[in-house]
Amino acid sequence: MSASVPDDPSLYRRHSLPVRIMHWINVIAVIALLMSGLQIFNAHPALYWGKSSYTGQPPVLEMYARPSQDGELSGITTILGHEFFTTGILGASKAPNGKVVERGFPAWATLPDVQWLARGRHWHLFFAWVFVLNGVAYVLYSVFSRHLLRDLTPDARDWRSIGKSIKEHVLFRHPVGEAEKHYNVLQKLAYLIIIFGVLPLIIVTGWSMSPRLNALFPGWVDVFGGRQSGRTIHFLAAWILVAFVLIHVFEVVVSGFWNHLRSMFTGIYRLRTAEARDEKE
């Protein structure tokens, strides 16, 4: 976050060029990783806890199909032993040819859309490196440009205002004017948890599924409870990231979609007045 534009006090430079570039690289990488990850998951749409899936214990989560009385496939999802019918989305859905088949996630959610494990792994590995290198570049830039300390680290005033910030979020009351130039404490905490908690967890648990790393460093995956536990944590952490992205997009939409979108392309953001906010909200 930077200074106002001299010609118009209501405009200010919100995002630097490096942040904007890394943001859009991240958008592409995360979408590709999620869709290719679901393709990989579909090869065995079940999650377990422990070192092996051959323990005799039921899966933590499983997606499968079984024929209904009329002969059509019904999609079933079980979570901790509880069964849910999820036909059309999970367990059984239409393949690209229009035929209902057994598969974990539907064709429109996977990359590629047909069941092709090898290609999904290639996409996943490629974009994993893009994601990691871009993430390292972002952290280094944030540290050396003081973006991390200046814009993302909560100070004493932030901690004192946490109750007010929660109330404003619940009421969908977004800041206006000069207050828009700074992230509130909930935004700062969310970004820090994602950047230094969830994302590293996704990366490390992804490594736990690498046979090469497991052979090179025997037993290290036991910190997660075993390789299958690592896979389960990887899956759950990825969906925490998806939830964060959905909330992030929702907040962008309700607080001025085009204004935010423009700022992420050009860096320029227009400060709103309280009257303009109340008219839209």
C-alpha atoms as a PDB file:
ATOM      1  CA  MET A   1       0.000   0.000   0.000  1.00  0.00           C
ATOM      2  CA  SER A   2       1.419   3.316  -1.061  1.00  0.00           C
ATOM      3  CA  ALA A   3       0.818   7.027  -1.519  1.00  0.00           C
ATOM      4  CA  SER A   4      -2.050   9.017  -2.984  1.00  0.00           C
ATOM      5  CA  VAL A   5      -2.089   9.997  -6.652  1.00  0.00           C
ATOM      6  CA  PRO A   6      -1.346  13.778  -6.743  1.00  0.00           C
ATOM      7  CA  ASP A   7      -4.005  14.632  -9.363  1.00  0.00           C
ATOM      8  CA  ASP A   8      -6.839  13.049  -7.373  1.00  0.00           C
ATOM      9  CA  PRO A   9      -6.705  12.579  -3.561  1.00  0.00           C
ATOM     10  CA  SER A  10      -9.361   9.859  -3.767  1.00  0.00           C
ATOM     11  CA  LEU A  11      -6.984   7.683  -5.793  1.00  0.00           C
ATOM     12  CA  TYR A  12      -3.929   6.009  -4.335  1.00  0.00           C
ATOM     13  CA  ARG A  13      -1.428   3.368  -5.356  1.00  0.00           C
ATOM     14  CA  ARG A  14      -2.527   0.298  -3.452  1.00  0.00           C
ATOM     15  CA  HIS A  15      -0.502  -2.573  -4.912  1.00  0.00           C
ATOM     16  CA  SER A  16       3.036  -2.451  -6.253  1.00  0.00           C
ATOM     17  CA  LEU A  17       3.850  -4.037  -9.614  1.00  0.00           C
ATOM     18  CA  PRO A  18       5.694  -7.052  -8.098  1.00  0.00           C
ATOM     19  CA  VAL A  19       2.741  -7.812  -5.797  1.00  0.00           C
ATOM     20  CA  ARG A  20       0.297  -7.608  -8.708  1.00  0.00           C
ATOM     21  CA  ILE A  21       2.378  -9.907 -10.893  1.00  0.00           C
ATOM     22  CA  MET A  22       2.825 -12.461  -8.111  1.00  0.00           C
ATOM     23  CA  HIS A  23      -0.883 -12.292  -7.253  1.00  0.00           C
ATOM     24  CA  TRP A  24      -1.961 -13.273 -10.777  1.00  0.00           C
ATOM     25  CA  ILE A  25       0.695 -15.984 -11.027  1.00  0.00           C
ATOM     26  CA  ASN A  26      -0.733 -17.350  -7.788  1.00  0.00           C
ATOM     27  CA  VAL A  27      -4.297 -17.258  -9.139  1.00  0.00           C
ATOM     28  CA  ILE A  28      -3.315 -19.355 -12.162  1.00  0.00           C
ATOM     29  CA  ALA A  29      -1.151 -21.735 -10.122  1.00  0.00           C
ATOM     30  CA  VAL A  30      -3.747 -22.347  -7.395  1.00  0.00           C
ATOM     31  CA  ILE A  31      -6.531 -23.064  -9.905  1.00  0.00           C
ATOM     32  CA  ALA A  32      -4.312 -25.492 -11.833  1.00  0.00           C
ATOM     33  CA  LEU A  33      -3.092 -27.150  -8.624  1.00  0.00           C
ATOM     34  CA  LEU A  34      -6.605 -27.614  -7.273  1.00  0.00           C
ATOM     35  CA  MET A  35      -8.006 -29.076 -10.487  1.00  0.00           C
ATOM     36  CA  SER A  36      -5.021 -31.351 -11.148  1.00  0.00           C
ATOM     37  CA  GLY A  37      -5.036 -32.353  -7.471  1.00  0.00           C
ATOM     38  CA  LEU A  38      -8.658 -33.461  -7.763  1.00  0.00           C
ATOM     39  CA  GLN A  39      -7.654 -35.467 -10.849  1.00  0.00           C
ATOM     40  CA  ILE A  40      -4.983 -37.239  -8.776  1.00  0.00           C
ATOM     41  CA  PHE A  41      -7.430 -37.779  -5.909  1.00  0.00           C
ATOM     42  CA  ASN A  42      -9.886 -39.418  -8.318  1.00  0.00           C
ATOM     43  CA  ALA A  43      -7.404 -42.240  -8.928  1.00  0.00           C
ATOM     44  CA  HIS A  44      -8.269 -43.410  -5.401  1.00  0.00           C
ATOM     45  CA  PRO A  45     -11.063 -41.223  -3.975  1.00  0.00           C
ATOM     46  CA  ALA A  46     -10.621 -42.109  -0.319  1.00  0.00           C
ATOM     47  CA  LEU A  47      -8.651 -40.702   2.619  1.00  0.00           C
ATOM     48  CA  TYR A  48      -7.151 -42.644   5.519  1.00  0.00           C
ATOM     49  CA  TRP A  49      -5.291 -41.993   8.743  1.00  0.00           C
ATOM     50  CA  GLY A  50      -2.001 -43.703   9.499  1.00  0.00           C
ATOM     51  CA  LYS A  51       0.895 -45.152   7.561  1.00  0.00           C
ATOM     52  CA  SER A  52      -1.140 -47.363   5.245  1.00  0.00           C
ATOM     53  CA  SER A  53      -4.621 -47.744   3.785  1.00  0.00           C
ATOM     54  CA  TYR A  54      -4.475 -51.493   4.523  1.00  0.00           C
ATOM     55  CA  THR A  55      -5.149 -51.295   8.247  1.00  0.00           C
ATOM     56  CA  GLY A  56      -8.668 -52.703   8.210  1.00  0.00           C
ATOM     57  CA  GLN A  57     -10.008 -49.356   9.416  1.00  0.00           C
ATOM     58  CA  PRO A  58     -12.673 -47.607   7.293  1.00  0.00           C
ATOM     59  CA  PRO A  59     -11.601 -44.502   5.354  1.00  0.00           C
ATOM     60  CA  VAL A  60     -11.962 -41.090   6.947  1.00  0.00           C
ATOM     61  CA  LEU A  61     -13.606 -40.006   3.694  1.00  0.00           C
ATOM     62  CA  GLU A  62     -14.607 -42.032   0.648  1.00  0.00           C
ATOM     63  CA  MET A  63     -16.427 -41.355  -2.624  1.00  0.00           C
ATOM     64  CA  TYR A  64     -17.859 -44.203  -4.671  1.00  0.00           C
ATOM     65  CA  ALA A  65     -20.890 -45.261  -6.719  1.00  0.00           C
ATOM     66  CA  ARG A  66     -23.374 -48.087  -6.449  1.00  0.00           C
ATOM     67  CA  PRO A  67     -26.293 -49.096  -8.673  1.00  0.00           C
ATOM     68  CA  SER A  68     -29.718 -47.885  -7.579  1.00  0.00           C
ATOM     69  CA  GLN A  69     -32.909 -49.933  -7.952  1.00  0.00           C
ATOM     70  CA  ASP A  70     -33.487 -48.529 -11.445  1.00  0.00           C
ATOM     71  CA  GLY A  71     -29.981 -49.525 -12.515  1.00  0.00           C
ATOM     72  CA  GLU A  72     -28.576 -45.988 -12.530  1.00  0.00           C
ATOM     73  CA  LEU A  73     -25.398 -45.199 -10.604  1.00  0.00           C
ATOM     74  CA  SER A  74     -25.812 -43.328  -7.323  1.00  0.00           C
ATOM     75  CA  GLY A  75     -22.932 -41.275  -5.967  1.00  0.00           C
ATOM     76  CA  ILE A  76     -22.114 -41.943  -2.305  1.00  0.00           C
ATOM     77  CA  THR A  77     -19.814 -39.951  -0.025  1.00  0.00           C
ATOM     78  CA  THR A  78     -18.966 -41.263   3.436  1.00  0.00           C
ATOM     79  CA  ILE A  79     -17.401 -39.044   6.092  1.00  0.00           C
ATOM     80  CA  LEU A  80     -16.335 -40.725   9.340  1.00  0.00           C
ATOM     81  CA  GLY A  81     -18.804 -43.527   8.644  1.00  0.00           C
ATOM     82  CA  HIS A  82     -21.745 -41.238   7.839  1.00  0.00           C
ATOM     83  CA  GLU A  83     -23.198 -41.785   4.362  1.00  0.00           C
ATOM     84  CA  PHE A  84     -24.474 -39.050   2.048  1.00  0.00           C
ATOM     85  CA  PHE A  85     -25.998 -39.295  -1.432  1.00  0.00           C
ATOM     86  CA  THR A  86     -24.035 -36.971  -3.706  1.00  0.00           C
ATOM     87  CA  THR A  87     -25.026 -38.125  -7.191  1.00  0.00           C
ATOM     88  CA  GLY A  88     -24.030 -35.728  -9.953  1.00  0.00           C
ATOM     89  CA  ILE A  89     -21.259 -34.104  -7.934  1.00  0.00           C
ATOM     90  CA  LEU A  90     -19.308 -36.656  -5.883  1.00  0.00           C
ATOM     91  CA  GLY A  91     -19.032 -40.406  -6.400  1.00  0.00           C
ATOM     92  CA  ALA A  92     -20.961 -40.552  -9.675  1.00  0.00           C
ATOM     93  CA  SER A  93     -21.220 -37.824 -12.297  1.00  0.00           C
ATOM     94  CA  LYS A  94     -21.220 -37.270 -16.029  1.00  0.00           C
ATOM     95  CA  ALA A  95     -18.022 -37.938 -17.956  1.00  0.00           C
ATOM     96  CA  PRO A  96     -17.074 -35.637 -20.874  1.00  0.00           C
ATOM     97  CA  ASN A  97     -19.030 -37.975 -23.177  1.00  0.00           C
ATOM     98  CA  GLY A  98     -22.204 -37.363 -21.147  1.00  0.00           C
ATOM     99  CA  LYS A  99     -22.363 -40.821 -19.581  1.00  0.00           C
ATOM    100  CA  VAL A 100     -22.746 -41.112 -15.793  1.00  0.00           C
ATOM    101  CA  VAL A 101     -19.680 -42.913 -14.455  1.00  0.00           C
ATOM    102  CA  GLU A 102     -18.074 -43.620 -11.101  1.00  0.00           C
ATOM    103  CA  ARG A 103     -15.548 -40.920 -10.221  1.00  0.00           C
ATOM    104  CA  GLY A 104     -14.722 -38.893  -7.134  1.00  0.00           C
ATOM    105  CA  PHE A 105     -14.974 -35.308  -8.355  1.00  0.00           C
ATOM    106  CA  PRO A 106     -16.843 -34.361 -11.560  1.00  0.00           C
ATOM    107  CA  ALA A 107     -15.130 -33.828 -14.919  1.00  0.00           C
ATOM    108  CA  TRP A 108     -15.634 -30.043 -14.867  1.00  0.00           C
ATOM    109  CA  ALA A 109     -13.588 -29.802 -11.650  1.00  0.00           C
ATOM    110  CA  THR A 110     -10.521 -31.778 -12.770  1.00  0.00           C
ATOM    111  CA  LEU A 111      -7.539 -31.126 -15.013  1.00  0.00           C
ATOM    112  CA  PRO A 112      -7.694 -32.800 -17.457  1.00  0.00           C
ATOM    113  CA  ASP A 113     -11.434 -33.503 -17.488  1.00  0.00           C
ATOM    114  CA  VAL A 114     -11.062 -37.181 -18.470  1.00  0.00           C
ATOM    115  CA  GLN A 115      -9.598 -39.571 -15.907  1.00  0.00           C
ATOM    116  CA  TRP A 116      -5.888 -39.363 -16.728  1.00  0.00           C
ATOM    117  CA  LEU A 117      -3.681 -39.758 -13.665  1.00  0.00           C
ATOM    118  CA  ALA A 118      -0.309 -39.360 -15.400  1.00  0.00           C
ATOM    119  CA  ARG A 119      -1.260 -36.086 -17.076  1.00  0.00           C
ATOM    120  CA  GLY A 120      -2.793 -34.799 -13.841  1.00  0.00           C
ATOM    121  CA  ARG A 121       0.481 -35.503 -12.018  1.00  0.00           C
ATOM    122  CA  HIS A 122       2.467 -33.668 -14.687  1.00  0.00           C
ATOM    123  CA  TRP A 123       0.246 -30.589 -14.374  1.00  0.00           C
ATOM    124  CA  HIS A 124       0.346 -30.774 -10.573  1.00  0.00           C
ATOM    125  CA  LEU A 125       4.129 -31.050 -10.337  1.00  0.00           C
ATOM    126  CA  PHE A 126       4.722 -28.238 -12.835  1.00  0.00           C
ATOM    127  CA  PHE A 127       2.396 -25.774 -11.120  1.00  0.00           C
ATOM    128  CA  ALA A 128       3.628 -26.855  -7.683  1.00  0.00           C
ATOM    129  CA  TRP A 129       7.071 -25.526  -8.637  1.00  0.00           C
ATOM    130  CA  VAL A 130       5.511 -22.341 -10.035  1.00  0.00           C
ATOM    131  CA  PHE A 131       3.564 -21.927  -6.793  1.00  0.00           C
ATOM    132  CA  VAL A 132       6.557 -22.567  -4.509  1.00  0.00           C
ATOM    133  CA  LEU A 133       8.977 -20.319  -6.398  1.00  0.00           C
ATOM    134  CA  ASN A 134       6.382 -17.555  -6.624  1.00  0.00           C
ATOM    135  CA  GLY A 135       5.654 -17.925  -2.912  1.00  0.00           C
ATOM    136  CA  VAL A 136       9.336 -17.687  -1.985  1.00  0.00           C
ATOM    137  CA  ALA A 137       9.674 -14.602  -4.198  1.00  0.00           C
ATOM    138  CA  TYR A 138       6.643 -13.023  -2.493  1.00  0.00           C
ATOM    139  CA  VAL A 139       7.972 -13.650   1.017  1.00  0.00           C
ATOM    140  CA  LEU A 140      11.423 -12.280   0.133  1.00  0.00           C
ATOM    141  CA  TYR A 141       9.885  -9.223  -1.519  1.00  0.00           C
ATOM    142  CA  SER A 142       7.551  -8.664   1.451  1.00  0.00           C
ATOM    143  CA  VAL A 143      10.453  -8.809   3.907  1.00  0.00           C
ATOM    144  CA  PHE A 144      12.903  -6.596   2.006  1.00  0.00           C
ATOM    145  CA  SER A 145      10.288  -4.049   0.872  1.00  0.00           C
ATOM    146  CA  ARG A 146       8.907  -3.962   4.451  1.00  0.00           C
ATOM    147  CA  HIS A 147       5.458  -4.866   3.058  1.00  0.00           C
ATOM    148  CA  LEU A 148       5.287  -7.658   5.637  1.00  0.00           C
ATOM    149  CA  LEU A 149       6.096  -5.436   8.605  1.00  0.00           C
ATOM    150  CA  ARG A 150       4.286  -2.315   7.372  1.00  0.00           C
ATOM    151  CA  ASP A 151       1.069  -3.793   5.958  1.00  0.00           C
ATOM    152  CA  LEU A 152       0.575  -7.327   7.319  1.00  0.00           C
ATOM    153  CA  THR A 153       1.900  -7.367  10.886  1.00  0.00           C
ATOM    154  CA  PRO A 154      -0.713  -6.405  13.531  1.00  0.00           C
ATOM    155  CA  ASP A 155       0.316  -3.672  15.956  1.00  0.00           C
ATOM    156  CA  ALA A 156      -1.059  -2.816  19.402  1.00  0.00           C
ATOM    157  CA  ARG A 157      -3.825  -0.663  17.914  1.00  0.00           C
ATOM    158  CA  ASP A 158      -4.913  -3.569  15.708  1.00  0.00           C
ATOM    159  CA  TRP A 159      -5.199  -5.928  18.667  1.00  0.00           C
ATOM    160  CA  ARG A 160      -7.277  -3.392  20.588  1.00  0.00           C
ATOM    161  CA  SER A 161      -9.678  -3.061  17.654  1.00  0.00           C
ATOM    162  CA  ILE A 162     -10.238  -6.772  17.056  1.00  0.00           C
ATOM    163  CA  GLY A 163     -13.713  -6.731  18.646  1.00  0.00           C
ATOM    164  CA  LYS A 164     -14.781  -3.783  16.500  1.00  0.00           C
ATOM    165  CA  SER A 165     -13.380  -5.462  13.400  1.00  0.00           C
ATOM    166  CA  ILE A 166     -15.327  -8.662  14.068  1.00  0.00           C
ATOM    167  CA  LYS A 167     -18.546  -6.656  14.544  1.00  0.00           C
ATOM    168  CA  GLU A 168     -18.011  -4.721  11.305  1.00  0.00           C
ATOM    169  CA  HIS A 169     -17.380  -7.930   9.370  1.00  0.00           C
ATOM    170  CA  VAL A 170     -20.540  -9.516  10.766  1.00  0.00           C
ATOM    171  CA  LEU A 171     -22.548  -6.432   9.752  1.00  0.00           C
ATOM    172  CA  PHE A 172     -20.762  -6.202   6.360  1.00  0.00           C
ATOM    173  CA  ARG A 173     -19.636  -2.691   7.256  1.00  0.00           C
ATOM    174  CA  HIS A 174     -16.502  -2.101   5.221  1.00  0.00           C
ATOM    175  CA  PRO A 175     -14.058   0.762   5.893  1.00  0.00           C
ATOM    176  CA  VAL A 176     -14.128   3.950   3.812  1.00  0.00           C
ATOM    177  CA  GLY A 177     -11.801   6.867   3.184  1.00  0.00           C
ATOM    178  CA  GLU A 178      -8.371   6.784   4.803  1.00  0.00           C
ATOM    179  CA  ALA A 179      -9.250   3.574   6.676  1.00  0.00           C
ATOM    180  CA  GLU A 180      -9.315   1.738   3.333  1.00  0.00           C
ATOM    181  CA  LYS A 181      -5.579   2.285   2.960  1.00  0.00           C
ATOM    182  CA  HIS A 182      -4.835  -0.252   5.674  1.00  0.00           C
ATOM    183  CA  TYR A 183      -5.764  -3.876   6.255  1.00  0.00           C
ATOM    184  CA  ASN A 184      -7.797  -4.454   9.406  1.00  0.00           C
ATOM    185  CA  VAL A 185      -6.600  -6.899  12.035  1.00  0.00           C
ATOM    186  CA  LEU A 186      -8.733  -9.797  10.762  1.00  0.00           C
ATOM    187  CA  GLN A 187      -7.356  -9.370   7.246  1.00  0.00           C
ATOM    188  CA  LYS A 188      -3.806  -9.263   8.569  1.00  0.00           C
ATOM    189  CA  LEU A 189      -4.289 -12.386  10.667  1.00  0.00           C
ATOM    190  CA  ALA A 190      -5.943 -14.235   7.782  1.00  0.00           C
ATOM    191  CA  TYR A 191      -3.101 -13.410   5.391  1.00  0.00           C
ATOM    192  CA  LEU A 192      -0.423 -14.362   7.930  1.00  0.00           C
ATOM    193  CA  ILE A 193      -2.120 -17.679   8.765  1.00  0.00           C
ATOM    194  CA  ILE A 194      -2.434 -18.548   5.080  1.00  0.00           C
ATOM    195  CA  ILE A 195       1.068 -17.402   4.067  1.00  0.00           C
ATOM    196  CA  PHE A 196       3.014 -18.842   6.997  1.00  0.00           C
ATOM    197  CA  GLY A 197       0.693 -21.638   8.147  1.00  0.00           C
ATOM    198  CA  VAL A 198      -1.639 -23.192   5.600  1.00  0.00           C
ATOM    199  CA  LEU A 199       0.523 -22.812   2.478  1.00  0.00           C
ATOM    200  CA  PRO A 200       3.695 -24.293   4.032  1.00  0.00           C
ATOM    201  CA  LEU A 201       1.561 -27.139   5.434  1.00  0.00           C
ATOM    202  CA  ILE A 202       0.182 -27.868   1.956  1.00  0.00           C
ATOM    203  CA  ILE A 203       3.697 -27.897   0.499  1.00  0.00           C
ATOM    204  CA  VAL A 204       5.263 -30.116   3.163  1.00  0.00           C
ATOM    205  CA  THR A 205       2.389 -32.618   3.200  1.00  0.00           C
ATOM    206  CA  GLY A 206       2.646 -32.699  -0.592  1.00  0.00           C
ATOM    207  CA  TRP A 207       6.274 -33.751  -0.170  1.00  0.00           C
ATOM    208  CA  SER A 208       5.131 -36.500   2.204  1.00  0.00           C
ATOM    209  CA  MET A 209       3.544 -38.280  -0.768  1.00  0.00           C
ATOM    210  CA  SER A 210       6.787 -38.320  -2.768  1.00  0.00           C
ATOM    211  CA  PRO A 211       8.302 -41.844  -2.884  1.00  0.00           C
ATOM    212  CA  ARG A 212      11.663 -40.302  -3.766  1.00  0.00           C
ATOM    213  CA  LEU A 213      11.743 -38.076  -0.678  1.00  0.00           C
ATOM    214  CA  ASN A 214      10.492 -40.917   1.505  1.00  0.00           C
ATOM    215  CA  ALA A 215      13.344 -43.094   0.243  1.00  0.00           C
ATOM    216  CA  LEU A 216      15.873 -40.293   0.705  1.00  0.00           C
ATOM    217  CA  PHE A 217      14.709 -39.433   4.242  1.00  0.00           C
ATOM    218  CA  PRO A 218      13.161 -42.616   5.697  1.00  0.00           C
ATOM    219  CA  GLY A 219      10.595 -42.103   8.439  1.00  0.00           C
ATOM    220  CA  TRP A 220      10.267 -38.337   8.183  1.00  0.00           C
ATOM    221  CA  VAL A 221       6.576 -38.591   7.201  1.00  0.00           C
ATOM    222  CA  ASP A 222       5.877 -40.047  10.644  1.00  0.00           C
ATOM    223  CA  VAL A 223       5.664 -36.459  11.928  1.00  0.00           C
ATOM    224  CA  PHE A 224       2.224 -36.435  10.257  1.00  0.00           C
ATOM    225  CA  GLY A 225       1.309 -39.906  11.491  1.00  0.00           C
ATOM    226  CA  GLY A 226       2.299 -41.629   8.259  1.00  0.00           C
ATOM    227  CA  ARG A 227       2.011 -41.170   4.518  1.00  0.00           C
ATOM    228  CA  GLN A 228      -1.772 -41.631   4.437  1.00  0.00           C
ATOM    229  CA  SER A 229      -2.192 -39.102   7.234  1.00  0.00           C
ATOM    230  CA  GLY A 230      -0.021 -36.686   5.253  1.00  0.00           C
ATOM    231  CA  ARG A 231      -2.291 -37.153   2.226  1.00  0.00           C
ATOM    232  CA  THR A 232      -5.382 -36.482   4.353  1.00  0.00           C
ATOM    233  CA  ILE A 233      -3.859 -33.337   5.894  1.00  0.00           C
ATOM    234  CA  HIS A 234      -2.825 -32.172   2.415  1.00  0.00           C
ATOM    235  CA  PHE A 235      -6.407 -32.579   1.196  1.00  0.00           C
ATOM    236  CA  LEU A 236      -7.938 -30.759   4.174  1.00  0.00           C
ATOM    237  CA  ALA A 237      -5.400 -27.911   4.083  1.00  0.00           C
ATOM    238  CA  ALA A 238      -6.076 -27.430   0.371  1.00  0.00           C
ATOM    239  CA  TRP A 239      -9.783 -26.992   1.108  1.00  0.00           C
ATOM    240  CA  ILE A 240      -8.978 -24.502   3.869  1.00  0.00           C
ATOM    241  CA  LEU A 241      -7.156 -22.519   1.185  1.00  0.00           C
ATOM    242  CA  VAL A 242     -10.194 -22.820  -1.105  1.00  0.00           C
ATOM    243  CA  ALA A 243     -12.431 -21.531   1.710  1.00  0.00           C
ATOM    244  CA  PHE A 244     -10.080 -18.567   2.213  1.00  0.00           C
ATOM    245  CA  VAL A 245     -10.152 -17.787  -1.521  1.00  0.00           C
ATOM    246  CA  LEU A 246     -13.958 -17.937  -1.629  1.00  0.00           C
ATOM    247  CA  ILE A 247     -14.255 -15.593   1.375  1.00  0.00           C
ATOM    248  CA  HIS A 248     -11.650 -13.301  -0.180  1.00  0.00           C
ATOM    249  CA  VAL A 249     -13.560 -13.140  -3.477  1.00  0.00           C
ATOM    250  CA  PHE A 250     -16.855 -12.592  -1.625  1.00  0.00           C
ATOM    251  CA  GLU A 251     -15.370  -9.651   0.296  1.00  0.00           C
ATOM    252  CA  VAL A 252     -14.000  -8.196  -2.941  1.00  0.00           C
ATOM    253  CA  VAL A 253     -17.431  -8.425  -4.576  1.00  0.00           C
ATOM    254  CA  VAL A 254     -19.407  -6.868  -1.712  1.00  0.00           C
ATOM    255  CA  SER A 255     -16.911  -4.061  -1.068  1.00  0.00           C
ATOM    256  CA  GLY A 256     -16.507  -2.900  -4.678  1.00  0.00           C
ATOM    257  CA  PHE A 257     -15.602  -5.548  -7.235  1.00  0.00           C
ATOM    258  CA  TRP A 258     -14.467  -3.331 -10.130  1.00  0.00           C
ATOM    259  CA  ASN A 259     -12.523  -1.012  -7.853  1.00  0.00           C
ATOM    260  CA  HIS A 260     -10.598  -3.923  -6.344  1.00  0.00           C
ATOM    261  CA  LEU A 261     -10.103  -5.639  -9.702  1.00  0.00           C
ATOM    262  CA  ARG A 262      -8.739  -2.446 -11.249  1.00  0.00           C
ATOM    263  CA  SER A 263      -6.327  -2.011  -8.357  1.00  0.00           C
ATOM    264  CA  MET A 264      -4.954  -5.508  -8.889  1.00  0.00           C
ATOM    265  CA  PHE A 265      -4.297  -4.752 -12.571  1.00  0.00           C
ATOM    266  CA  THR A 266      -3.214  -1.103 -12.437  1.00  0.00           C
ATOM    267  CA  GLY A 267      -2.319  -0.666  -8.771  1.00  0.00           C
ATOM    268  CA  ILE A 268      -4.709   2.313  -8.467  1.00  0.00           C
ATOM    269  CA  TYR A 269      -7.576   2.149  -5.956  1.00  0.00           C
ATOM    270  CA  ARG A 270     -10.335   4.736  -5.472  1.00  0.00           C
ATOM    271  CA  LEU A 271     -11.217   5.520  -1.864  1.00  0.00           C
ATOM    272  CA  ARG A 272     -14.936   5.431  -1.138  1.00  0.00           C
ATOM    273  CA  THR A 273     -17.023   7.823   0.929  1.00  0.00           C
ATOM    274  CA  ALA A 274     -19.413   6.622   3.626  1.00  0.00           C
ATOM    275  CA  GLU A 275     -22.345   7.768   1.484  1.00  0.00           C
ATOM    276  CA  ALA A 276     -21.184   5.739  -1.517  1.00  0.00           C
ATOM    277  CA  ARG A 277     -20.659   2.685   0.675  1.00  0.00           C
ATOM    278  CA  ASP A 278     -24.101   2.903   2.268  1.00  0.00           C
ATOM    279  CA  GLU A 279     -25.790   3.225  -1.124  1.00  0.00           C
ATOM    280  CA  LYS A 280     -24.241  -0.058  -2.295  1.00  0.00           C
ATOM    281  CA  GLU A 281     -24.364  -1.989   0.972  1.00  0.00           C
END
